[in-house]
Structures are given as C-alpha cells and as structure tokens.
Amino acid sequence: MAEQHGPAGVSVPDSRLAAEATELVRDTTGDLIYDHSRRVYFFGSLLGRARRLDFDPELLYVAALFHDVGLGEPFHDSGRRFEVDSAEEARRFLEARRVPEDAVRRVWTAIALHTTPGIPEFMEPEVALVAAGVEYDVLGLAYDEIDAADREAVVAMHPRPAFKQRILRAFADGVEPKPETAFGNVKADVLAHYDPHFRRGDFVRAVLESPWPE
C-alpha cells in the first residue's frame, strides 16, 4: 500500500478505501468534524508510535474519520447513541467494500467505545488509539506525550479555531434531540450545560423504582 506523508511524519494510507472514506466524510460533515477527525488520526498515530503499539493505519484512519458522523442531523431521530450511529455508518461503508469481518468489528468497536473511558486502552490497538486520539484532541489527556513541534504540525494542517466551544455545541446539537441516549455517559454533562430543559437520569432512582418488589 502506498502512503502519503502527512504532518509530524505520520503517513496517511493511500488506499482506495481511505480515499473513499475521506471523500464521504469530507462531503457529509463540516470543517469542524472533518478537521477534528483527521487530528484524531494523527494524534492517535503519534501516541501509538510513542507507546510502541502495532496498529493498522488504514483501520485507524477509517475509524477516526467516522467516529463523529453520528452527530449529524440525519441521525437526530435514530433513538440511538451517536457513537452507535457513527459505528453503523462505518460498518455499512466497510461491508459495501467487502472488508473482512474482523476489520469491520475493530472499526465498529473503536467508534462505539470512543467516549467510554477505562475500557478501550485494554483492547486492540486501533480501539485504544481512536479513544486516545479523541481524548488528546478534546481533553488534552497525555498532552506532553506528543512533542510540541509534532502537535503544532498537525494543528497547522487541521486548525482548531474556537474548538472547545464549537465541539461542545456540536455535541449538544447532536444529542439534544434524543436526550435519553445521554443516560450514564459523558454527554449528560454536555446537555446539563447546554439544554435548560434537560433532566439528568438517576441510576440509583432507576434501581429503587424498578418493578422488582425488593
């Protein structure tokens, strides 16, 4: 497989699969999500290099590109968590191109778990690195694990103007139409800040008010 050299010495797969994924996500999302998703790939790759993980760049790239597509308007009435909508879009994309089942599973899992801390790091490298790339770009976790020059090179290619406020707004817009999907996950925090009508679910109350008599 040929490769295209990107920022910080990270190579972008130059396969037909990667090119079609790029075109699809570029055409169906705005700059905010596209640039963020590409940064997730670059940061995930750099963290994988630093941690000496043996990962498949093509699978990491596709998973990173698709990980937030489920925030888009076409999925606002799905009734499912946006992570699952994103993972299902990636699955459809990959299965239509006859990608092997195990590779599809890795991409699906990487996307579905990217907002679930404490689990991806113990799974396959692609799963671990999508989550790590997201955590790096959104939360700044392990910030100094990537050299400042490499970090700046990635941001120079995919800038992040007002990223903190814009990505939080995108999270809120993607989840507000289906607030029930925020129960038990980090997007409940987003809705608590951005939706004055949101009422956070209470796990303890759900247990105590279940139909079981005791």
N, C-alpha and C. Protein backbone atom coordinates (compact mmCIF):
# COMPACT_ATOMS: atom_id res chain seq x y z
N MET A 1 0.84 -1.19 0.00
CA MET A 1 0.00 0.00 0.00
C MET A 1 0.89 1.26 0.00
N ALA A 2 0.65 2.12 -0.93
CA ALA A 2 1.39 3.39 -0.95
C ALA A 2 0.88 4.29 0.16
N GLU A 3 1.70 5.26 0.52
CA GLU A 3 1.31 6.16 1.60
C GLU A 3 1.61 7.59 1.23
N GLN A 4 0.86 8.49 1.82
CA GLN A 4 1.09 9.92 1.65
C GLN A 4 1.61 10.47 2.97
N HIS A 5 2.70 11.19 2.89
CA HIS A 5 3.28 11.72 4.11
C HIS A 5 2.48 12.92 4.60
N GLY A 6 2.13 12.90 5.87
CA GLY A 6 1.37 13.97 6.48
C GLY A 6 2.22 14.69 7.50
N PRO A 7 1.59 15.46 8.38
CA PRO A 7 2.33 16.21 9.38
C PRO A 7 2.98 15.30 10.41
N ALA A 8 4.07 15.77 10.98
CA ALA A 8 4.76 15.06 12.07
C ALA A 8 5.25 13.69 11.66
N GLY A 9 5.47 13.50 10.36
CA GLY A 9 5.98 12.23 9.88
C GLY A 9 4.98 11.10 9.89
N VAL A 10 3.71 11.40 10.09
CA VAL A 10 2.67 10.37 10.09
C VAL A 10 2.18 10.17 8.66
N SER A 11 2.15 8.93 8.22
CA SER A 11 1.71 8.63 6.87
C SER A 11 0.22 8.34 6.83
N VAL A 12 -0.45 8.89 5.84
CA VAL A 12 -1.87 8.63 5.63
C VAL A 12 -2.00 7.54 4.58
N PRO A 13 -2.73 6.48 4.85
CA PRO A 13 -2.87 5.41 3.86
C PRO A 13 -3.37 5.95 2.53
N ASP A 14 -2.72 5.53 1.47
CA ASP A 14 -3.10 6.00 0.13
C ASP A 14 -3.83 4.88 -0.61
N SER A 15 -4.77 4.27 0.09
CA SER A 15 -5.56 3.20 -0.50
C SER A 15 -6.88 3.74 -1.03
N ARG A 16 -7.53 2.98 -1.87
CA ARG A 16 -8.85 3.38 -2.37
C ARG A 16 -9.83 3.50 -1.21
N LEU A 17 -9.74 2.59 -0.26
CA LEU A 17 -10.64 2.62 0.89
C LEU A 17 -10.48 3.93 1.66
N ALA A 18 -9.25 4.31 1.94
CA ALA A 18 -9.01 5.55 2.69
C ALA A 18 -9.47 6.77 1.89
N ALA A 19 -9.22 6.75 0.59
CA ALA A 19 -9.62 7.88 -0.25
C ALA A 19 -11.14 8.03 -0.29
N GLU A 20 -11.85 6.92 -0.40
CA GLU A 20 -13.31 6.99 -0.43
C GLU A 20 -13.87 7.40 0.92
N ALA A 21 -13.24 6.96 2.00
CA ALA A 21 -13.68 7.39 3.33
C ALA A 21 -13.48 8.89 3.49
N THR A 22 -12.34 9.38 3.03
CA THR A 22 -12.07 10.81 3.11
C THR A 22 -13.12 11.61 2.34
N GLU A 23 -13.41 11.17 1.13
CA GLU A 23 -14.37 11.89 0.29
C GLU A 23 -15.76 11.90 0.93
N LEU A 24 -16.18 10.74 1.47
CA LEU A 24 -17.51 10.65 2.05
C LEU A 24 -17.64 11.56 3.27
N VAL A 25 -16.67 11.49 4.17
CA VAL A 25 -16.75 12.29 5.40
C VAL A 25 -16.56 13.77 5.08
N ARG A 26 -15.68 14.07 4.14
CA ARG A 26 -15.47 15.45 3.74
C ARG A 26 -16.76 16.05 3.18
N ASP A 27 -17.52 15.25 2.43
CA ASP A 27 -18.73 15.74 1.78
C ASP A 27 -19.95 15.78 2.70
N THR A 28 -19.92 15.04 3.80
CA THR A 28 -21.12 14.93 4.63
C THR A 28 -20.97 15.59 6.01
N THR A 29 -19.81 16.15 6.30
CA THR A 29 -19.62 16.87 7.56
C THR A 29 -19.03 18.24 7.27
N GLY A 30 -19.03 19.09 8.26
CA GLY A 30 -18.41 20.40 8.11
C GLY A 30 -16.94 20.37 8.50
N ASP A 31 -16.30 21.51 8.40
CA ASP A 31 -14.88 21.60 8.73
C ASP A 31 -14.59 21.19 10.17
N LEU A 32 -15.49 21.52 11.08
CA LEU A 32 -15.25 21.21 12.49
C LEU A 32 -15.02 19.72 12.69
N ILE A 33 -15.96 18.90 12.22
CA ILE A 33 -15.87 17.46 12.43
C ILE A 33 -14.78 16.84 11.57
N TYR A 34 -14.65 17.31 10.33
CA TYR A 34 -13.62 16.74 9.45
C TYR A 34 -12.22 17.00 10.01
N ASP A 35 -11.94 18.23 10.37
CA ASP A 35 -10.61 18.56 10.89
C ASP A 35 -10.35 17.84 12.21
N HIS A 36 -11.35 17.79 13.07
CA HIS A 36 -11.19 17.07 14.34
C HIS A 36 -10.90 15.60 14.08
N SER A 37 -11.63 14.99 13.16
CA SER A 37 -11.45 13.57 12.89
C SER A 37 -10.07 13.27 12.31
N ARG A 38 -9.61 14.12 11.46
CA ARG A 38 -8.25 13.93 10.92
C ARG A 38 -7.21 14.11 12.03
N ARG A 39 -7.41 15.10 12.90
CA ARG A 39 -6.47 15.26 14.01
C ARG A 39 -6.47 14.02 14.90
N VAL A 40 -7.63 13.44 15.12
CA VAL A 40 -7.71 12.22 15.93
C VAL A 40 -6.83 11.13 15.32
N TYR A 41 -6.86 11.01 14.00
CA TYR A 41 -5.98 10.01 13.35
C TYR A 41 -4.51 10.34 13.58
N PHE A 42 -4.12 11.58 13.35
CA PHE A 42 -2.71 11.94 13.50
C PHE A 42 -2.26 11.82 14.95
N PHE A 43 -3.06 12.32 15.87
CA PHE A 43 -2.68 12.22 17.27
C PHE A 43 -2.68 10.77 17.74
N GLY A 44 -3.68 10.00 17.31
CA GLY A 44 -3.70 8.58 17.67
C GLY A 44 -2.48 7.85 17.14
N SER A 45 -2.08 8.18 15.91
CA SER A 45 -0.89 7.55 15.33
C SER A 45 0.37 7.92 16.10
N LEU A 46 0.49 9.19 16.47
CA LEU A 46 1.67 9.64 17.22
C LEU A 46 1.70 8.99 18.60
N LEU A 47 0.56 8.85 19.23
CA LEU A 47 0.52 8.17 20.52
C LEU A 47 0.84 6.69 20.37
N GLY A 48 0.35 6.10 19.29
CA GLY A 48 0.67 4.70 19.03
C GLY A 48 2.15 4.50 18.81
N ARG A 49 2.78 5.43 18.12
CA ARG A 49 4.22 5.36 17.91
C ARG A 49 4.95 5.48 19.25
N ALA A 50 4.53 6.45 20.07
CA ALA A 50 5.19 6.67 21.36
C ALA A 50 5.02 5.47 22.28
N ARG A 51 3.87 4.80 22.17
CA ARG A 51 3.58 3.66 23.05
C ARG A 51 3.98 2.33 22.44
N ARG A 52 4.57 2.39 21.24
CA ARG A 52 5.08 1.20 20.55
C ARG A 52 3.97 0.17 20.31
N LEU A 53 2.83 0.66 19.86
CA LEU A 53 1.72 -0.21 19.53
C LEU A 53 1.75 -0.55 18.05
N ASP A 54 1.44 -1.77 17.73
CA ASP A 54 1.42 -2.23 16.34
C ASP A 54 -0.03 -2.15 15.84
N PHE A 55 -0.34 -1.10 15.10
CA PHE A 55 -1.72 -0.88 14.67
C PHE A 55 -1.81 -0.83 13.14
N ASP A 56 -3.01 -1.02 12.64
CA ASP A 56 -3.28 -0.93 11.20
C ASP A 56 -3.65 0.51 10.88
N PRO A 57 -2.80 1.26 10.18
CA PRO A 57 -3.10 2.67 9.90
C PRO A 57 -4.40 2.88 9.14
N GLU A 58 -4.73 1.96 8.22
CA GLU A 58 -5.94 2.13 7.43
C GLU A 58 -7.18 2.00 8.31
N LEU A 59 -7.20 1.02 9.19
CA LEU A 59 -8.35 0.86 10.08
C LEU A 59 -8.45 2.01 11.06
N LEU A 60 -7.31 2.45 11.58
CA LEU A 60 -7.32 3.60 12.48
C LEU A 60 -7.84 4.83 11.76
N TYR A 61 -7.43 5.01 10.52
CA TYR A 61 -7.84 6.19 9.74
C TYR A 61 -9.35 6.19 9.51
N VAL A 62 -9.89 5.05 9.06
CA VAL A 62 -11.32 4.98 8.79
C VAL A 62 -12.12 5.19 10.07
N ALA A 63 -11.69 4.57 11.16
CA ALA A 63 -12.41 4.71 12.43
C ALA A 63 -12.37 6.16 12.91
N ALA A 64 -11.21 6.79 12.79
CA ALA A 64 -11.10 8.19 13.21
C ALA A 64 -12.00 9.09 12.37
N LEU A 65 -12.04 8.86 11.06
CA LEU A 65 -12.86 9.71 10.20
C LEU A 65 -14.35 9.58 10.51
N PHE A 66 -14.81 8.37 10.82
CA PHE A 66 -16.24 8.14 11.00
C PHE A 66 -16.71 8.36 12.44
N HIS A 67 -15.81 8.58 13.38
CA HIS A 67 -16.20 8.44 14.78
C HIS A 67 -17.27 9.44 15.24
N ASP A 68 -17.41 10.58 14.56
CA ASP A 68 -18.41 11.58 14.98
C ASP A 68 -19.49 11.85 13.94
N VAL A 69 -19.57 11.05 12.89
CA VAL A 69 -20.57 11.36 11.85
C VAL A 69 -21.98 11.23 12.41
N GLY A 70 -22.17 10.41 13.45
CA GLY A 70 -23.49 10.22 14.03
C GLY A 70 -24.05 11.43 14.74
N LEU A 71 -23.24 12.49 14.88
CA LEU A 71 -23.75 13.74 15.45
C LEU A 71 -24.60 14.51 14.45
N GLY A 72 -24.52 14.15 13.18
CA GLY A 72 -25.18 14.90 12.12
C GLY A 72 -26.70 14.80 12.15
N GLU A 73 -27.33 15.76 11.52
CA GLU A 73 -28.80 15.85 11.51
C GLU A 73 -29.50 14.58 11.03
N PRO A 74 -28.97 13.85 10.04
CA PRO A 74 -29.68 12.64 9.60
C PRO A 74 -29.90 11.61 10.70
N PHE A 75 -29.16 11.73 11.80
CA PHE A 75 -29.25 10.74 12.86
C PHE A 75 -29.99 11.25 14.10
N HIS A 76 -30.53 12.46 14.04
CA HIS A 76 -31.12 13.07 15.22
C HIS A 76 -32.36 12.33 15.72
N ASP A 77 -33.01 11.57 14.85
CA ASP A 77 -34.22 10.85 15.28
C ASP A 77 -33.99 9.35 15.34
N SER A 78 -32.74 8.93 15.42
CA SER A 78 -32.44 7.49 15.40
C SER A 78 -32.83 6.80 16.71
N GLY A 79 -32.80 7.56 17.81
CA GLY A 79 -33.06 6.95 19.11
C GLY A 79 -31.88 6.18 19.66
N ARG A 80 -30.75 6.23 18.98
CA ARG A 80 -29.56 5.51 19.42
C ARG A 80 -28.46 6.49 19.81
N ARG A 81 -27.52 6.05 20.62
CA ARG A 81 -26.37 6.87 20.94
C ARG A 81 -25.66 7.25 19.65
N PHE A 82 -25.12 8.47 19.60
CA PHE A 82 -24.47 8.91 18.36
C PHE A 82 -23.26 8.05 18.05
N GLU A 83 -22.61 7.49 19.07
CA GLU A 83 -21.46 6.62 18.82
C GLU A 83 -21.87 5.38 18.02
N VAL A 84 -23.06 4.84 18.35
CA VAL A 84 -23.55 3.67 17.63
C VAL A 84 -23.93 4.04 16.20
N ASP A 85 -24.57 5.19 16.02
CA ASP A 85 -24.89 5.65 14.66
C ASP A 85 -23.62 5.81 13.83
N SER A 86 -22.59 6.38 14.44
CA SER A 86 -21.31 6.55 13.74
C SER A 86 -20.71 5.19 13.38
N ALA A 87 -20.74 4.27 14.33
CA ALA A 87 -20.17 2.94 14.10
C ALA A 87 -20.94 2.20 13.01
N GLU A 88 -22.26 2.35 13.00
CA GLU A 88 -23.06 1.67 11.98
C GLU A 88 -22.80 2.24 10.59
N GLU A 89 -22.59 3.55 10.50
CA GLU A 89 -22.23 4.14 9.21
C GLU A 89 -20.92 3.58 8.71
N ALA A 90 -19.94 3.45 9.60
CA ALA A 90 -18.65 2.88 9.23
C ALA A 90 -18.82 1.43 8.80
N ARG A 91 -19.66 0.69 9.52
CA ARG A 91 -19.89 -0.71 9.16
C ARG A 91 -20.46 -0.82 7.75
N ARG A 92 -21.48 0.00 7.45
CA ARG A 92 -22.07 -0.04 6.11
C ARG A 92 -21.05 0.28 5.04
N PHE A 93 -20.24 1.30 5.31
CA PHE A 93 -19.21 1.70 4.37
C PHE A 93 -18.23 0.56 4.11
N LEU A 94 -17.77 -0.09 5.16
CA LEU A 94 -16.77 -1.15 5.02
C LEU A 94 -17.35 -2.42 4.42
N GLU A 95 -18.55 -2.80 4.85
CA GLU A 95 -19.14 -4.03 4.31
C GLU A 95 -19.47 -3.89 2.84
N ALA A 96 -19.83 -2.68 2.40
CA ALA A 96 -20.11 -2.45 0.98
C ALA A 96 -18.86 -2.64 0.14
N ARG A 97 -17.70 -2.55 0.76
CA ARG A 97 -16.42 -2.70 0.06
C ARG A 97 -15.75 -4.03 0.39
N ARG A 98 -16.52 -4.93 0.97
CA ARG A 98 -16.10 -6.30 1.25
C ARG A 98 -14.84 -6.36 2.13
N VAL A 99 -14.78 -5.48 3.10
CA VAL A 99 -13.69 -5.51 4.07
C VAL A 99 -13.92 -6.69 5.00
N PRO A 100 -12.87 -7.43 5.38
CA PRO A 100 -13.03 -8.61 6.24
C PRO A 100 -13.76 -8.30 7.55
N GLU A 101 -14.50 -9.29 8.03
CA GLU A 101 -15.35 -9.12 9.20
C GLU A 101 -14.59 -8.65 10.43
N ASP A 102 -13.39 -9.20 10.66
CA ASP A 102 -12.64 -8.81 11.86
C ASP A 102 -12.24 -7.34 11.80
N ALA A 103 -11.89 -6.86 10.62
CA ALA A 103 -11.54 -5.45 10.47
C ALA A 103 -12.75 -4.56 10.71
N VAL A 104 -13.90 -4.98 10.20
CA VAL A 104 -15.14 -4.22 10.43
C VAL A 104 -15.44 -4.16 11.92
N ARG A 105 -15.27 -5.29 12.60
CA ARG A 105 -15.52 -5.34 14.04
C ARG A 105 -14.61 -4.39 14.80
N ARG A 106 -13.34 -4.33 14.43
CA ARG A 106 -12.40 -3.44 15.12
C ARG A 106 -12.80 -1.97 14.94
N VAL A 107 -13.15 -1.61 13.73
CA VAL A 107 -13.56 -0.23 13.47
C VAL A 107 -14.84 0.09 14.22
N TRP A 108 -15.82 -0.81 14.17
CA TRP A 108 -17.09 -0.58 14.86
C TRP A 108 -16.85 -0.38 16.35
N THR A 109 -16.05 -1.25 16.94
CA THR A 109 -15.79 -1.18 18.38
C THR A 109 -15.03 0.09 18.74
N ALA A 110 -14.05 0.45 17.92
CA ALA A 110 -13.27 1.66 18.19
C ALA A 110 -14.17 2.89 18.23
N ILE A 111 -15.11 2.97 17.32
CA ILE A 111 -16.02 4.12 17.26
C ILE A 111 -17.03 4.07 18.40
N ALA A 112 -17.62 2.91 18.62
CA ALA A 112 -18.67 2.79 19.64
C ALA A 112 -18.15 3.09 21.04
N LEU A 113 -16.87 2.80 21.30
CA LEU A 113 -16.33 2.97 22.65
C LEU A 113 -15.48 4.23 22.83
N HIS A 114 -15.48 5.11 21.83
CA HIS A 114 -14.51 6.21 21.91
C HIS A 114 -14.82 7.23 22.99
N THR A 115 -16.03 7.21 23.56
CA THR A 115 -16.35 8.12 24.66
C THR A 115 -16.49 7.37 25.99
N THR A 116 -16.03 6.12 26.02
CA THR A 116 -16.15 5.30 27.21
C THR A 116 -14.77 5.08 27.82
N PRO A 117 -14.36 5.91 28.77
CA PRO A 117 -13.02 5.80 29.32
C PRO A 117 -12.83 4.54 30.16
N GLY A 118 -11.59 4.07 30.21
CA GLY A 118 -11.25 2.95 31.07
C GLY A 118 -11.37 1.59 30.44
N ILE A 119 -11.89 1.50 29.21
CA ILE A 119 -12.04 0.21 28.53
C ILE A 119 -11.19 0.12 27.25
N PRO A 120 -11.26 1.09 26.32
CA PRO A 120 -10.54 0.95 25.05
C PRO A 120 -9.05 0.68 25.20
N GLU A 121 -8.42 1.23 26.21
CA GLU A 121 -6.97 1.08 26.36
C GLU A 121 -6.55 -0.37 26.55
N PHE A 122 -7.49 -1.25 26.92
CA PHE A 122 -7.17 -2.65 27.13
C PHE A 122 -7.56 -3.52 25.94
N MET A 123 -8.00 -2.89 24.86
CA MET A 123 -8.45 -3.63 23.69
C MET A 123 -7.45 -3.52 22.55
N GLU A 124 -7.87 -3.90 21.34
CA GLU A 124 -6.96 -3.86 20.20
C GLU A 124 -6.39 -2.46 20.00
N PRO A 125 -5.19 -2.34 19.41
CA PRO A 125 -4.55 -1.03 19.26
C PRO A 125 -5.42 0.00 18.55
N GLU A 126 -6.15 -0.41 17.52
CA GLU A 126 -6.98 0.57 16.81
C GLU A 126 -8.08 1.12 17.72
N VAL A 127 -8.64 0.25 18.57
CA VAL A 127 -9.67 0.68 19.51
C VAL A 127 -9.07 1.64 20.53
N ALA A 128 -7.91 1.25 21.06
CA ALA A 128 -7.24 2.08 22.06
C ALA A 128 -6.85 3.44 21.50
N LEU A 129 -6.40 3.47 20.25
CA LEU A 129 -5.84 4.71 19.72
C LEU A 129 -6.89 5.68 19.20
N VAL A 130 -8.04 5.20 18.77
CA VAL A 130 -9.11 6.14 18.44
C VAL A 130 -9.52 6.89 19.71
N ALA A 131 -9.73 6.14 20.80
CA ALA A 131 -10.08 6.77 22.06
C ALA A 131 -8.98 7.72 22.53
N ALA A 132 -7.74 7.28 22.42
CA ALA A 132 -6.62 8.13 22.86
C ALA A 132 -6.53 9.40 22.02
N GLY A 133 -6.76 9.28 20.71
CA GLY A 133 -6.71 10.45 19.84
C GLY A 133 -7.82 11.43 20.16
N VAL A 134 -9.02 10.90 20.45
CA VAL A 134 -10.14 11.75 20.83
C VAL A 134 -9.84 12.45 22.16
N GLU A 135 -9.36 11.69 23.12
CA GLU A 135 -9.05 12.27 24.43
C GLU A 135 -7.96 13.33 24.33
N TYR A 136 -7.01 13.11 23.43
CA TYR A 136 -5.95 14.08 23.24
C TYR A 136 -6.50 15.38 22.66
N ASP A 137 -7.31 15.26 21.61
CA ASP A 137 -7.79 16.46 20.91
C ASP A 137 -8.86 17.20 21.69
N VAL A 138 -9.71 16.48 22.41
CA VAL A 138 -10.83 17.12 23.12
C VAL A 138 -10.46 17.50 24.54
N LEU A 139 -9.74 16.62 25.23
CA LEU A 139 -9.47 16.82 26.65
C LEU A 139 -8.02 17.17 26.96
N GLY A 140 -7.14 17.01 25.99
CA GLY A 140 -5.73 17.28 26.24
C GLY A 140 -5.06 16.25 27.12
N LEU A 141 -5.64 15.02 27.22
CA LEU A 141 -5.03 13.98 28.03
C LEU A 141 -3.72 13.53 27.39
N ALA A 142 -2.72 13.27 28.23
CA ALA A 142 -1.38 12.89 27.77
C ALA A 142 -0.78 13.96 26.85
N TYR A 143 -1.10 15.21 27.12
CA TYR A 143 -0.73 16.32 26.23
C TYR A 143 0.76 16.36 25.91
N ASP A 144 1.59 16.14 26.91
CA ASP A 144 3.04 16.24 26.70
C ASP A 144 3.65 14.96 26.14
N GLU A 145 2.83 13.95 25.90
CA GLU A 145 3.35 12.71 25.32
C GLU A 145 3.70 12.89 23.85
N ILE A 146 3.12 13.91 23.23
CA ILE A 146 3.45 14.25 21.84
C ILE A 146 4.31 15.50 21.85
N ASP A 147 5.37 15.46 21.10
CA ASP A 147 6.29 16.59 21.02
C ASP A 147 5.56 17.84 20.51
N ALA A 148 5.89 18.99 21.08
CA ALA A 148 5.20 20.24 20.73
C ALA A 148 5.28 20.52 19.23
N ALA A 149 6.43 20.27 18.61
CA ALA A 149 6.58 20.54 17.18
C ALA A 149 5.64 19.65 16.36
N ASP A 150 5.49 18.39 16.77
CA ASP A 150 4.58 17.48 16.06
C ASP A 150 3.14 17.91 16.26
N ARG A 151 2.81 18.31 17.47
CA ARG A 151 1.46 18.78 17.76
C ARG A 151 1.13 20.01 16.90
N GLU A 152 2.06 20.94 16.81
CA GLU A 152 1.84 22.15 16.04
C GLU A 152 1.73 21.85 14.55
N ALA A 153 2.46 20.85 14.08
CA ALA A 153 2.37 20.48 12.66
C ALA A 153 0.99 19.94 12.31
N VAL A 154 0.43 19.15 13.21
CA VAL A 154 -0.91 18.61 12.98
C VAL A 154 -1.94 19.74 12.97
N VAL A 155 -1.84 20.64 13.93
CA VAL A 155 -2.81 21.73 14.03
C VAL A 155 -2.66 22.71 12.86
N ALA A 156 -1.43 22.84 12.34
CA ALA A 156 -1.23 23.72 11.18
C ALA A 156 -1.99 23.18 9.97
N MET A 157 -2.03 21.85 9.83
CA MET A 157 -2.75 21.26 8.70
C MET A 157 -4.26 21.26 8.94
N HIS A 158 -4.66 21.03 10.19
CA HIS A 158 -6.09 20.97 10.53
C HIS A 158 -6.31 21.87 11.75
N PRO A 159 -6.51 23.16 11.51
CA PRO A 159 -6.64 24.14 12.59
C PRO A 159 -7.84 23.88 13.49
N ARG A 160 -7.78 24.44 14.70
CA ARG A 160 -8.87 24.26 15.65
C ARG A 160 -9.34 25.61 16.22
N PRO A 161 -9.83 26.51 15.36
CA PRO A 161 -10.31 27.81 15.86
C PRO A 161 -11.54 27.64 16.76
N ALA A 162 -11.48 28.23 17.96
CA ALA A 162 -12.57 28.16 18.94
C ALA A 162 -13.08 26.73 19.11
N PHE A 163 -12.17 25.79 19.06
CA PHE A 163 -12.58 24.38 19.02
C PHE A 163 -13.35 23.95 20.25
N LYS A 164 -12.93 24.38 21.42
CA LYS A 164 -13.59 23.91 22.65
C LYS A 164 -15.09 24.22 22.63
N GLN A 165 -15.44 25.47 22.35
CA GLN A 165 -16.85 25.85 22.34
C GLN A 165 -17.60 25.23 21.17
N ARG A 166 -16.95 25.15 20.01
CA ARG A 166 -17.62 24.64 18.82
C ARG A 166 -17.90 23.14 18.93
N ILE A 167 -16.95 22.37 19.48
CA ILE A 167 -17.19 20.93 19.57
C ILE A 167 -18.23 20.62 20.64
N LEU A 168 -18.23 21.40 21.73
CA LEU A 168 -19.26 21.20 22.74
C LEU A 168 -20.65 21.51 22.18
N ARG A 169 -20.74 22.56 21.36
CA ARG A 169 -22.01 22.90 20.73
C ARG A 169 -22.44 21.78 19.78
N ALA A 170 -21.49 21.21 19.06
CA ALA A 170 -21.81 20.11 18.15
C ALA A 170 -22.29 18.89 18.92
N PHE A 171 -21.65 18.61 20.06
CA PHE A 171 -22.12 17.50 20.89
C PHE A 171 -23.56 17.76 21.35
N ALA A 172 -23.80 18.98 21.83
CA ALA A 172 -25.14 19.32 22.32
C ALA A 172 -26.18 19.20 21.21
N ASP A 173 -25.88 19.75 20.04
CA ASP A 173 -26.83 19.70 18.92
C ASP A 173 -27.10 18.26 18.49
N GLY A 174 -26.08 17.40 18.59
CA GLY A 174 -26.24 16.01 18.15
C GLY A 174 -27.03 15.16 19.12
N VAL A 175 -27.03 15.54 20.39
CA VAL A 175 -27.64 14.70 21.41
C VAL A 175 -28.96 15.27 21.94
N GLU A 176 -29.17 16.59 21.85
CA GLU A 176 -30.40 17.22 22.36
C GLU A 176 -31.68 16.57 21.82
N PRO A 177 -31.73 16.17 20.53
CA PRO A 177 -32.97 15.57 20.03
C PRO A 177 -33.27 14.20 20.63
N LYS A 178 -32.30 13.56 21.26
CA LYS A 178 -32.50 12.22 21.84
C LYS A 178 -31.81 12.16 23.21
N PRO A 179 -32.27 12.97 24.17
CA PRO A 179 -31.58 13.10 25.45
C PRO A 179 -31.50 11.81 26.25
N GLU A 180 -32.42 10.88 25.98
CA GLU A 180 -32.39 9.61 26.71
C GLU A 180 -31.10 8.83 26.45
N THR A 181 -30.45 9.12 25.31
CA THR A 181 -29.22 8.40 24.98
C THR A 181 -28.03 8.89 25.78
N ALA A 182 -28.21 9.97 26.54
CA ALA A 182 -27.10 10.50 27.35
C ALA A 182 -27.04 9.85 28.73
N PHE A 183 -28.01 9.01 29.05
CA PHE A 183 -28.03 8.39 30.37
C PHE A 183 -26.78 7.54 30.59
N GLY A 184 -26.05 7.82 31.65
CA GLY A 184 -24.89 7.01 32.01
C GLY A 184 -23.63 7.29 31.22
N ASN A 185 -23.61 8.38 30.44
CA ASN A 185 -22.38 8.67 29.69
C ASN A 185 -22.07 10.17 29.72
N VAL A 186 -20.93 10.53 29.17
CA VAL A 186 -20.42 11.90 29.32
C VAL A 186 -21.29 12.95 28.65
N LYS A 187 -22.12 12.57 27.70
CA LYS A 187 -22.93 13.57 27.03
C LYS A 187 -24.02 14.13 27.93
N ALA A 188 -24.30 13.46 29.06
CA ALA A 188 -25.23 14.04 30.03
C ALA A 188 -24.65 15.33 30.58
N ASP A 189 -23.33 15.39 30.75
CA ASP A 189 -22.69 16.63 31.22
C ASP A 189 -22.88 17.75 30.21
N VAL A 190 -22.78 17.40 28.93
CA VAL A 190 -22.95 18.40 27.87
C VAL A 190 -24.36 18.97 27.91
N LEU A 191 -25.35 18.09 27.96
CA LEU A 191 -26.74 18.56 27.95
C LEU A 191 -27.06 19.35 29.22
N ALA A 192 -26.46 18.98 30.33
CA ALA A 192 -26.69 19.71 31.58
C ALA A 192 -26.24 21.17 31.45
N HIS A 193 -25.22 21.42 30.61
CA HIS A 193 -24.72 22.77 30.41
C HIS A 193 -25.47 23.51 29.30
N TYR A 194 -25.93 22.79 28.28
CA TYR A 194 -26.43 23.45 27.08
C TYR A 194 -27.95 23.40 26.90
N ASP A 195 -28.63 22.50 27.59
CA ASP A 195 -30.08 22.38 27.41
C ASP A 195 -30.78 22.65 28.74
N PRO A 196 -31.42 23.80 28.87
CA PRO A 196 -32.05 24.16 30.15
C PRO A 196 -33.21 23.23 30.54
N HIS A 197 -33.72 22.47 29.58
CA HIS A 197 -34.84 21.57 29.86
C HIS A 197 -34.38 20.15 30.20
N PHE A 198 -33.09 19.90 30.09
CA PHE A 198 -32.58 18.54 30.31
C PHE A 198 -32.65 18.16 31.78
N ARG A 199 -33.10 16.94 32.04
CA ARG A 199 -33.11 16.40 33.39
C ARG A 199 -32.29 15.11 33.38
N ARG A 200 -31.20 15.14 34.11
CA ARG A 200 -30.27 14.02 34.13
C ARG A 200 -30.93 12.76 34.72
N GLY A 201 -30.70 11.62 34.08
CA GLY A 201 -31.18 10.36 34.63
C GLY A 201 -30.44 10.03 35.93
N ASP A 202 -31.09 9.30 36.80
CA ASP A 202 -30.52 8.94 38.10
C ASP A 202 -30.51 7.42 38.23
N PHE A 203 -29.33 6.82 38.19
CA PHE A 203 -29.22 5.36 38.23
C PHE A 203 -29.76 4.79 39.53
N VAL A 204 -29.46 5.45 40.64
CA VAL A 204 -29.95 4.96 41.94
C VAL A 204 -31.47 4.95 41.96
N ARG A 205 -32.08 6.03 41.49
CA ARG A 205 -33.55 6.08 41.45
C ARG A 205 -34.10 5.02 40.50
N ALA A 206 -33.41 4.77 39.38
CA ALA A 206 -33.87 3.75 38.44
C ALA A 206 -33.88 2.38 39.09
N VAL A 207 -32.87 2.10 39.92
CA VAL A 207 -32.83 0.81 40.63
C VAL A 207 -33.96 0.74 41.67
N LEU A 208 -34.08 1.77 42.47
CA LEU A 208 -35.07 1.76 43.55
C LEU A 208 -36.51 1.76 43.05
N GLU A 209 -36.73 2.34 41.86
CA GLU A 209 -38.09 2.41 41.32
C GLU A 209 -38.39 1.33 40.28
N SER A 210 -37.51 0.37 40.18
CA SER A 210 -37.76 -0.74 39.25
C SER A 210 -38.96 -1.54 39.72
N PRO A 211 -39.57 -2.35 38.83
CA PRO A 211 -40.77 -3.12 39.22
C PRO A 211 -40.51 -4.25 40.19
N TRP A 212 -39.23 -4.54 40.50
CA TRP A 212 -38.95 -5.58 41.47
C TRP A 212 -39.41 -5.16 42.86
N PRO A 213 -40.04 -6.07 43.62
CA PRO A 213 -40.54 -5.71 44.94
C PRO A 213 -39.43 -5.51 45.97
N GLU A 214 -38.28 -6.09 45.76
CA GLU A 214 -37.19 -5.96 46.73
C GLU A 214 -35.84 -6.10 46.06
